[in-house]
């Protein structure tokens, strides 16, 4: 097994709580994420860390010129009013762990900076592909997020 990490940051025109509300609702990500076909809630709960939502996500990523369909579980965990984490099991031995935090700008009061750290874990033969696909999807989401939340 191998792991790689990447980070993304963007500024958005909403308060920190609002951007985390949006990001933890995967059903609202259609059009932002390049591979997303559907995201359906399958369970909700609460533990010592906070509330969580379990999703069944279907995507159509690319492998060269070909697209394939994959369905996998994703758990979004609200860790505070302004932060969340995500755990995705994309395939056996392939996972993504995200930690996202939004912080308020001093002015205007309704703007925030969003910072995400993603750790990709996969077998050595797949780590490059998994990291590129994840980074492409997350970078596109972060690039479109300011306009989506405006």
N, C-alpha and C. Protein backbone atom coordinates (compact mmCIF):
# COMPACT_ATOMS: atom_id res chain seq x y z
N UNK A 1 0.84 -1.18 0.00
CA UNK A 1 0.00 0.00 0.00
C UNK A 1 0.88 1.24 0.00
N UNK A 2 0.34 2.28 -0.63
CA UNK A 2 1.03 3.56 -0.69
C UNK A 2 0.02 4.66 -0.39
N UNK A 3 0.52 5.82 -0.04
CA UNK A 3 -0.38 6.95 0.18
C UNK A 3 0.26 8.21 -0.36
N UNK A 4 -0.62 9.13 -0.80
CA UNK A 4 -0.21 10.45 -1.28
C UNK A 4 -1.19 11.47 -0.73
N UNK A 5 -0.70 12.68 -0.56
CA UNK A 5 -1.52 13.75 0.01
C UNK A 5 -1.51 14.95 -0.92
N UNK A 6 -2.67 15.60 -1.04
CA UNK A 6 -2.73 16.88 -1.74
C UNK A 6 -3.63 17.82 -0.97
N UNK A 7 -3.42 19.12 -1.18
CA UNK A 7 -4.19 20.16 -0.47
C UNK A 7 -4.77 21.14 -1.48
N UNK A 8 -5.94 21.66 -1.15
CA UNK A 8 -6.61 22.66 -1.96
C UNK A 8 -7.15 23.76 -1.07
N UNK A 9 -7.15 24.99 -1.58
CA UNK A 9 -7.69 26.13 -0.85
C UNK A 9 -8.44 27.02 -1.83
N UNK A 10 -9.57 27.57 -1.38
CA UNK A 10 -10.31 28.54 -2.19
C UNK A 10 -11.02 29.51 -1.27
N UNK A 11 -11.38 30.66 -1.81
CA UNK A 11 -12.18 31.65 -1.09
C UNK A 11 -13.60 31.59 -1.62
N UNK A 12 -14.57 31.66 -0.73
CA UNK A 12 -15.98 31.61 -1.11
C UNK A 12 -16.74 32.78 -0.47
N UNK A 13 -17.82 33.22 -1.11
CA UNK A 13 -18.55 34.40 -0.63
C UNK A 13 -19.64 34.09 0.39
N UNK A 14 -19.44 33.08 1.22
CA UNK A 14 -20.43 32.73 2.26
C UNK A 14 -19.72 32.46 3.58
N UNK A 15 -20.49 32.43 4.65
CA UNK A 15 -19.95 32.16 5.98
C UNK A 15 -19.43 30.73 6.06
N UNK A 16 -18.48 30.46 6.95
CA UNK A 16 -17.90 29.12 7.08
C UNK A 16 -18.93 28.00 7.26
N UNK A 17 -19.93 28.23 8.10
CA UNK A 17 -20.95 27.20 8.34
C UNK A 17 -21.70 26.85 7.06
N UNK A 18 -21.98 27.85 6.23
CA UNK A 18 -22.74 27.63 5.00
C UNK A 18 -21.95 26.80 4.00
N UNK A 19 -20.65 27.05 3.89
CA UNK A 19 -19.86 26.27 2.93
C UNK A 19 -19.71 24.83 3.39
N UNK A 20 -19.57 24.60 4.69
CA UNK A 20 -19.49 23.22 5.18
C UNK A 20 -20.84 22.53 5.01
N UNK A 21 -21.94 23.25 5.25
CA UNK A 21 -23.28 22.68 4.98
C UNK A 21 -23.36 22.19 3.54
N UNK A 22 -22.88 23.00 2.61
CA UNK A 22 -22.94 22.64 1.20
C UNK A 22 -22.03 21.45 0.89
N UNK A 23 -20.79 21.49 1.36
CA UNK A 23 -19.83 20.44 1.02
C UNK A 23 -20.20 19.08 1.58
N UNK A 24 -20.83 19.05 2.76
CA UNK A 24 -21.18 17.74 3.33
C UNK A 24 -22.41 17.12 2.67
N UNK A 25 -23.13 17.89 1.87
CA UNK A 25 -24.31 17.38 1.15
C UNK A 25 -23.91 16.98 -0.27
N UNK A 26 -23.44 15.76 -0.44
CA UNK A 26 -22.93 15.31 -1.74
C UNK A 26 -23.98 15.35 -2.84
N UNK A 27 -25.24 15.27 -2.48
CA UNK A 27 -26.31 15.35 -3.47
C UNK A 27 -26.35 16.69 -4.20
N UNK A 28 -25.76 17.71 -3.63
CA UNK A 28 -25.74 19.05 -4.24
C UNK A 28 -24.51 19.27 -5.13
N UNK A 29 -23.67 18.26 -5.29
CA UNK A 29 -22.42 18.41 -6.02
C UNK A 29 -22.51 18.11 -7.51
N UNK A 30 -23.71 17.72 -8.01
CA UNK A 30 -23.84 17.47 -9.46
C UNK A 30 -23.50 18.73 -10.22
N UNK A 31 -22.72 18.57 -11.26
CA UNK A 31 -22.28 19.71 -12.05
C UNK A 31 -20.96 20.29 -11.56
N UNK A 32 -20.60 20.03 -10.31
CA UNK A 32 -19.32 20.49 -9.77
C UNK A 32 -18.26 19.41 -9.90
N UNK A 33 -18.63 18.20 -9.59
CA UNK A 33 -17.69 17.07 -9.65
C UNK A 33 -17.79 16.44 -11.03
N UNK A 34 -16.67 16.29 -11.71
CA UNK A 34 -16.71 15.87 -13.11
C UNK A 34 -17.20 14.44 -13.34
N UNK A 35 -17.12 13.57 -12.36
CA UNK A 35 -17.49 12.17 -12.56
C UNK A 35 -18.80 11.79 -11.89
N UNK A 36 -19.37 12.67 -11.08
CA UNK A 36 -20.53 12.33 -10.26
C UNK A 36 -21.78 12.06 -11.10
N UNK A 37 -22.38 10.89 -10.87
CA UNK A 37 -23.65 10.52 -11.49
C UNK A 37 -24.77 10.69 -10.46
N UNK A 38 -24.56 10.15 -9.25
CA UNK A 38 -25.58 10.28 -8.20
C UNK A 38 -24.94 10.12 -6.83
N UNK A 39 -25.63 10.64 -5.82
CA UNK A 39 -25.23 10.50 -4.42
C UNK A 39 -26.51 10.39 -3.61
N UNK A 40 -26.69 9.25 -2.95
CA UNK A 40 -27.91 9.00 -2.18
C UNK A 40 -27.57 8.71 -0.73
N UNK A 41 -28.33 9.31 0.18
CA UNK A 41 -28.15 9.05 1.61
C UNK A 41 -28.67 7.65 1.92
N UNK A 42 -27.85 6.86 2.61
CA UNK A 42 -28.28 5.52 3.02
C UNK A 42 -28.39 5.38 4.53
N UNK A 43 -27.76 6.30 5.29
CA UNK A 43 -27.87 6.27 6.75
C UNK A 43 -27.40 7.60 7.32
N UNK A 44 -27.88 7.89 8.53
CA UNK A 44 -27.44 9.06 9.28
C UNK A 44 -27.25 8.63 10.72
N UNK A 45 -26.36 9.32 11.41
CA UNK A 45 -26.14 8.99 12.81
C UNK A 45 -25.37 10.08 13.51
N UNK A 46 -25.03 9.80 14.74
CA UNK A 46 -24.28 10.74 15.57
C UNK A 46 -23.39 9.92 16.48
N UNK A 47 -22.13 10.35 16.62
CA UNK A 47 -21.23 9.67 17.53
C UNK A 47 -20.48 10.72 18.35
N UNK A 48 -19.42 10.32 19.02
CA UNK A 48 -18.68 11.24 19.89
C UNK A 48 -18.07 12.41 19.12
N UNK A 49 -17.78 12.22 17.84
CA UNK A 49 -17.20 13.28 17.03
C UNK A 49 -18.25 14.26 16.55
N UNK A 50 -19.45 13.76 16.26
CA UNK A 50 -20.52 14.61 15.77
C UNK A 50 -21.43 13.86 14.82
N UNK A 51 -22.30 14.57 14.11
CA UNK A 51 -23.23 13.92 13.19
C UNK A 51 -22.51 13.45 11.92
N UNK A 52 -23.01 12.36 11.35
CA UNK A 52 -22.45 11.85 10.10
C UNK A 52 -23.58 11.43 9.16
N UNK A 53 -23.23 11.40 7.88
CA UNK A 53 -24.15 10.95 6.84
C UNK A 53 -23.41 9.93 5.99
N UNK A 54 -24.02 8.78 5.78
CA UNK A 54 -23.45 7.75 4.91
C UNK A 54 -24.11 7.85 3.55
N UNK A 55 -23.32 7.91 2.50
CA UNK A 55 -23.79 8.08 1.13
C UNK A 55 -23.45 6.86 0.29
N UNK A 56 -24.25 6.60 -0.72
CA UNK A 56 -23.90 5.67 -1.80
C UNK A 56 -23.69 6.54 -3.02
N UNK A 57 -22.46 6.58 -3.50
CA UNK A 57 -22.06 7.47 -4.59
C UNK A 57 -21.79 6.65 -5.84
N UNK A 58 -22.29 7.12 -6.97
CA UNK A 58 -22.00 6.51 -8.26
C UNK A 58 -21.29 7.55 -9.11
N UNK A 59 -20.15 7.15 -9.67
CA UNK A 59 -19.37 8.02 -10.54
C UNK A 59 -19.02 7.29 -11.83
N UNK A 60 -18.62 8.08 -12.84
CA UNK A 60 -18.14 7.55 -14.12
C UNK A 60 -16.80 8.18 -14.45
N UNK A 61 -15.73 7.72 -13.80
CA UNK A 61 -14.40 8.26 -14.10
C UNK A 61 -13.88 7.74 -15.44
N UNK A 62 -12.76 8.32 -15.86
CA UNK A 62 -12.15 7.93 -17.13
C UNK A 62 -10.86 7.15 -16.88
N UNK A 63 -10.62 6.22 -17.77
CA UNK A 63 -9.35 5.51 -17.83
C UNK A 63 -8.94 5.59 -19.29
N UNK A 64 -8.05 6.54 -19.61
CA UNK A 64 -7.74 6.82 -21.01
C UNK A 64 -8.98 7.37 -21.69
N UNK A 65 -9.33 6.84 -22.86
CA UNK A 65 -10.52 7.32 -23.56
C UNK A 65 -11.82 6.67 -23.07
N UNK A 66 -11.72 5.73 -22.15
CA UNK A 66 -12.88 4.96 -21.70
C UNK A 66 -13.41 5.46 -20.36
N UNK A 67 -14.72 5.37 -20.21
CA UNK A 67 -15.38 5.66 -18.93
C UNK A 67 -15.90 4.36 -18.35
N UNK A 68 -15.88 4.26 -17.05
CA UNK A 68 -16.45 3.10 -16.37
C UNK A 68 -17.27 3.59 -15.19
N UNK A 69 -18.20 2.78 -14.75
CA UNK A 69 -19.09 3.13 -13.64
C UNK A 69 -18.61 2.44 -12.37
N UNK A 70 -18.60 3.21 -11.27
CA UNK A 70 -18.21 2.68 -9.98
C UNK A 70 -19.17 3.22 -8.93
N UNK A 71 -19.58 2.37 -8.01
CA UNK A 71 -20.44 2.78 -6.89
C UNK A 71 -19.70 2.44 -5.60
N UNK A 72 -19.66 3.39 -4.67
CA UNK A 72 -18.89 3.20 -3.45
C UNK A 72 -19.52 3.96 -2.29
N UNK A 73 -19.19 3.56 -1.05
CA UNK A 73 -19.68 4.29 0.12
C UNK A 73 -18.80 5.50 0.44
N UNK A 74 -19.44 6.52 0.96
CA UNK A 74 -18.72 7.71 1.43
C UNK A 74 -19.41 8.19 2.70
N UNK A 75 -18.64 8.44 3.73
CA UNK A 75 -19.19 8.96 4.99
C UNK A 75 -18.65 10.37 5.22
N UNK A 76 -19.58 11.31 5.34
CA UNK A 76 -19.23 12.69 5.65
C UNK A 76 -19.55 12.92 7.13
N UNK A 77 -18.57 13.39 7.86
CA UNK A 77 -18.67 13.56 9.30
C UNK A 77 -18.51 15.04 9.64
N UNK A 78 -19.50 15.63 10.25
CA UNK A 78 -19.42 17.04 10.66
C UNK A 78 -18.65 17.07 11.97
N UNK A 79 -17.44 17.61 11.96
CA UNK A 79 -16.59 17.60 13.15
C UNK A 79 -16.75 18.86 14.00
N UNK A 80 -17.28 19.94 13.38
CA UNK A 80 -17.62 21.17 14.10
C UNK A 80 -18.51 21.98 13.17
N UNK A 81 -18.92 23.14 13.61
CA UNK A 81 -19.76 23.98 12.75
C UNK A 81 -19.03 24.40 11.49
N UNK A 82 -17.69 24.45 11.55
CA UNK A 82 -16.91 24.95 10.42
C UNK A 82 -15.91 23.92 9.87
N UNK A 83 -16.11 22.64 10.20
CA UNK A 83 -15.18 21.63 9.68
C UNK A 83 -15.90 20.30 9.47
N UNK A 84 -15.28 19.47 8.64
CA UNK A 84 -15.84 18.14 8.35
C UNK A 84 -14.71 17.22 7.91
N UNK A 85 -15.01 15.93 7.94
CA UNK A 85 -14.09 14.96 7.37
C UNK A 85 -14.89 14.02 6.49
N UNK A 86 -14.20 13.38 5.57
CA UNK A 86 -14.86 12.44 4.69
C UNK A 86 -14.02 11.19 4.54
N UNK A 87 -14.69 10.05 4.51
CA UNK A 87 -14.04 8.76 4.29
C UNK A 87 -14.71 8.08 3.11
N UNK A 88 -13.91 7.78 2.08
CA UNK A 88 -14.42 7.17 0.86
C UNK A 88 -13.66 5.86 0.64
N UNK A 89 -14.38 4.80 0.34
CA UNK A 89 -13.79 3.50 -0.03
C UNK A 89 -14.10 3.27 -1.50
N UNK A 90 -13.26 3.79 -2.39
CA UNK A 90 -13.53 3.77 -3.83
C UNK A 90 -13.47 2.36 -4.41
N UNK A 91 -12.65 1.50 -3.84
CA UNK A 91 -12.49 0.12 -4.31
C UNK A 91 -11.73 -0.63 -3.22
N UNK A 92 -11.68 -1.94 -3.27
CA UNK A 92 -10.91 -2.67 -2.25
C UNK A 92 -9.46 -2.16 -2.19
N UNK A 93 -9.05 -1.74 -1.00
CA UNK A 93 -7.70 -1.24 -0.81
C UNK A 93 -7.48 0.20 -1.25
N UNK A 94 -8.51 0.86 -1.77
CA UNK A 94 -8.39 2.23 -2.27
C UNK A 94 -9.31 3.15 -1.46
N UNK A 95 -8.72 4.12 -0.78
CA UNK A 95 -9.53 5.01 0.04
C UNK A 95 -9.04 6.44 -0.05
N UNK A 96 -9.95 7.36 0.29
CA UNK A 96 -9.63 8.77 0.40
C UNK A 96 -10.11 9.24 1.76
N UNK A 97 -9.29 10.02 2.42
CA UNK A 97 -9.66 10.63 3.69
C UNK A 97 -9.48 12.13 3.53
N UNK A 98 -10.56 12.89 3.68
CA UNK A 98 -10.48 14.34 3.55
C UNK A 98 -10.74 15.01 4.89
N UNK A 99 -10.06 16.11 5.10
CA UNK A 99 -10.29 16.96 6.26
C UNK A 99 -10.47 18.37 5.70
N UNK A 100 -11.62 18.97 5.97
CA UNK A 100 -11.96 20.27 5.39
C UNK A 100 -12.29 21.24 6.51
N UNK A 101 -11.75 22.44 6.39
CA UNK A 101 -12.02 23.48 7.39
C UNK A 101 -12.29 24.80 6.68
N UNK A 102 -13.29 25.52 7.15
CA UNK A 102 -13.62 26.85 6.61
C UNK A 102 -13.38 27.87 7.71
N UNK A 103 -12.70 28.94 7.35
CA UNK A 103 -12.44 30.02 8.31
C UNK A 103 -12.97 31.33 7.75
N UNK A 104 -13.49 32.15 8.63
CA UNK A 104 -14.08 33.42 8.21
C UNK A 104 -13.01 34.42 7.83
N UNK A 105 -13.31 35.23 6.82
CA UNK A 105 -12.47 36.38 6.48
C UNK A 105 -12.81 37.49 7.45
N UNK A 106 -11.87 38.36 7.78
CA UNK A 106 -12.19 39.48 8.66
C UNK A 106 -13.22 40.42 8.04
N UNK A 107 -13.15 40.61 6.72
CA UNK A 107 -14.13 41.45 6.03
C UNK A 107 -14.18 41.01 4.57
N UNK A 108 -15.28 40.87 3.94
CA UNK A 108 -16.61 40.98 4.53
C UNK A 108 -16.90 39.78 5.43
N UNK A 109 -17.81 39.99 6.36
CA UNK A 109 -18.11 38.96 7.36
C UNK A 109 -18.71 37.70 6.75
N UNK A 110 -19.28 37.78 5.57
CA UNK A 110 -19.93 36.61 4.98
C UNK A 110 -19.04 35.89 3.97
N UNK A 111 -17.71 36.02 4.11
CA UNK A 111 -16.79 35.33 3.21
C UNK A 111 -15.89 34.39 4.02
N UNK A 112 -15.40 33.35 3.34
CA UNK A 112 -14.59 32.34 4.02
C UNK A 112 -13.49 31.83 3.12
N UNK A 113 -12.50 31.25 3.76
CA UNK A 113 -11.47 30.47 3.07
C UNK A 113 -11.71 29.02 3.42
N UNK A 114 -11.69 28.16 2.41
CA UNK A 114 -11.90 26.73 2.61
C UNK A 114 -10.59 26.02 2.28
N UNK A 115 -10.15 25.18 3.21
CA UNK A 115 -8.90 24.43 3.03
C UNK A 115 -9.21 22.95 3.22
N UNK A 116 -8.74 22.13 2.28
CA UNK A 116 -8.97 20.69 2.34
C UNK A 116 -7.65 19.95 2.17
N UNK A 117 -7.45 18.94 3.00
CA UNK A 117 -6.32 18.03 2.88
C UNK A 117 -6.89 16.66 2.55
N UNK A 118 -6.40 16.04 1.49
CA UNK A 118 -6.86 14.72 1.07
C UNK A 118 -5.70 13.75 1.09
N UNK A 119 -5.91 12.62 1.76
CA UNK A 119 -4.93 11.54 1.79
C UNK A 119 -5.52 10.38 0.99
N UNK A 120 -4.82 9.98 -0.06
CA UNK A 120 -5.23 8.88 -0.92
C UNK A 120 -4.38 7.67 -0.56
N UNK A 121 -5.02 6.53 -0.33
CA UNK A 121 -4.33 5.28 -0.04
C UNK A 121 -4.77 4.25 -1.07
N UNK A 122 -3.79 3.56 -1.66
CA UNK A 122 -4.10 2.56 -2.68
C UNK A 122 -2.89 1.65 -2.87
N UNK A 123 -3.09 0.50 -3.52
CA UNK A 123 -1.93 -0.32 -3.88
C UNK A 123 -0.98 0.49 -4.76
N UNK A 124 0.31 0.19 -4.67
CA UNK A 124 1.33 0.96 -5.41
C UNK A 124 1.02 1.09 -6.90
N UNK A 125 0.47 0.05 -7.52
CA UNK A 125 0.17 0.11 -8.95
C UNK A 125 -0.95 1.10 -9.27
N UNK A 126 -1.80 1.41 -8.29
CA UNK A 126 -2.96 2.27 -8.53
C UNK A 126 -2.84 3.66 -7.92
N UNK A 127 -1.84 3.89 -7.08
CA UNK A 127 -1.80 5.14 -6.31
C UNK A 127 -1.72 6.37 -7.21
N UNK A 128 -0.96 6.32 -8.28
CA UNK A 128 -0.86 7.47 -9.18
C UNK A 128 -2.19 7.78 -9.84
N UNK A 129 -2.84 6.76 -10.37
CA UNK A 129 -4.14 6.94 -11.02
C UNK A 129 -5.18 7.45 -10.02
N UNK A 130 -5.26 6.82 -8.86
CA UNK A 130 -6.24 7.23 -7.84
C UNK A 130 -6.01 8.69 -7.42
N UNK A 131 -4.78 9.06 -7.21
CA UNK A 131 -4.48 10.43 -6.77
C UNK A 131 -4.83 11.43 -7.87
N UNK A 132 -4.47 11.13 -9.12
CA UNK A 132 -4.79 12.05 -10.22
C UNK A 132 -6.30 12.24 -10.35
N UNK A 133 -7.07 11.14 -10.30
CA UNK A 133 -8.52 11.23 -10.44
C UNK A 133 -9.13 12.03 -9.28
N UNK A 134 -8.69 11.76 -8.07
CA UNK A 134 -9.21 12.48 -6.90
C UNK A 134 -8.85 13.96 -6.97
N UNK A 135 -7.60 14.24 -7.32
CA UNK A 135 -7.18 15.64 -7.37
C UNK A 135 -7.93 16.39 -8.48
N UNK A 136 -8.14 15.76 -9.61
CA UNK A 136 -8.91 16.38 -10.69
C UNK A 136 -10.33 16.71 -10.22
N UNK A 137 -10.99 15.75 -9.60
CA UNK A 137 -12.37 15.96 -9.14
C UNK A 137 -12.45 17.04 -8.06
N UNK A 138 -11.57 16.99 -7.08
CA UNK A 138 -11.62 17.95 -5.99
C UNK A 138 -11.20 19.35 -6.46
N UNK A 139 -10.20 19.43 -7.34
CA UNK A 139 -9.77 20.73 -7.84
C UNK A 139 -10.89 21.39 -8.65
N UNK A 140 -11.60 20.60 -9.45
CA UNK A 140 -12.72 21.18 -10.22
C UNK A 140 -13.80 21.69 -9.27
N UNK A 141 -14.12 20.91 -8.26
CA UNK A 141 -15.12 21.33 -7.28
C UNK A 141 -14.69 22.64 -6.62
N UNK A 142 -13.44 22.72 -6.19
CA UNK A 142 -12.96 23.94 -5.52
C UNK A 142 -12.92 25.12 -6.47
N UNK A 143 -12.65 24.90 -7.75
CA UNK A 143 -12.61 26.02 -8.70
C UNK A 143 -14.01 26.57 -8.99
N UNK A 144 -15.02 25.71 -8.95
CA UNK A 144 -16.40 26.14 -9.23
C UNK A 144 -17.17 26.55 -7.98
N UNK A 145 -16.67 26.22 -6.82
CA UNK A 145 -17.38 26.47 -5.57
C UNK A 145 -17.70 27.95 -5.33
N UNK A 146 -16.78 28.90 -5.55
CA UNK A 146 -17.14 30.31 -5.31
C UNK A 146 -18.35 30.75 -6.13
N UNK A 147 -18.40 30.37 -7.40
CA UNK A 147 -19.54 30.75 -8.24
C UNK A 147 -20.83 30.04 -7.79
N UNK A 148 -20.69 28.78 -7.43
CA UNK A 148 -21.87 28.01 -7.01
C UNK A 148 -22.51 28.60 -5.74
N UNK A 149 -21.69 29.11 -4.85
CA UNK A 149 -22.19 29.64 -3.58
C UNK A 149 -22.49 31.14 -3.61
N UNK A 150 -22.20 31.79 -4.72
CA UNK A 150 -22.44 33.25 -4.83
C UNK A 150 -23.92 33.56 -4.80
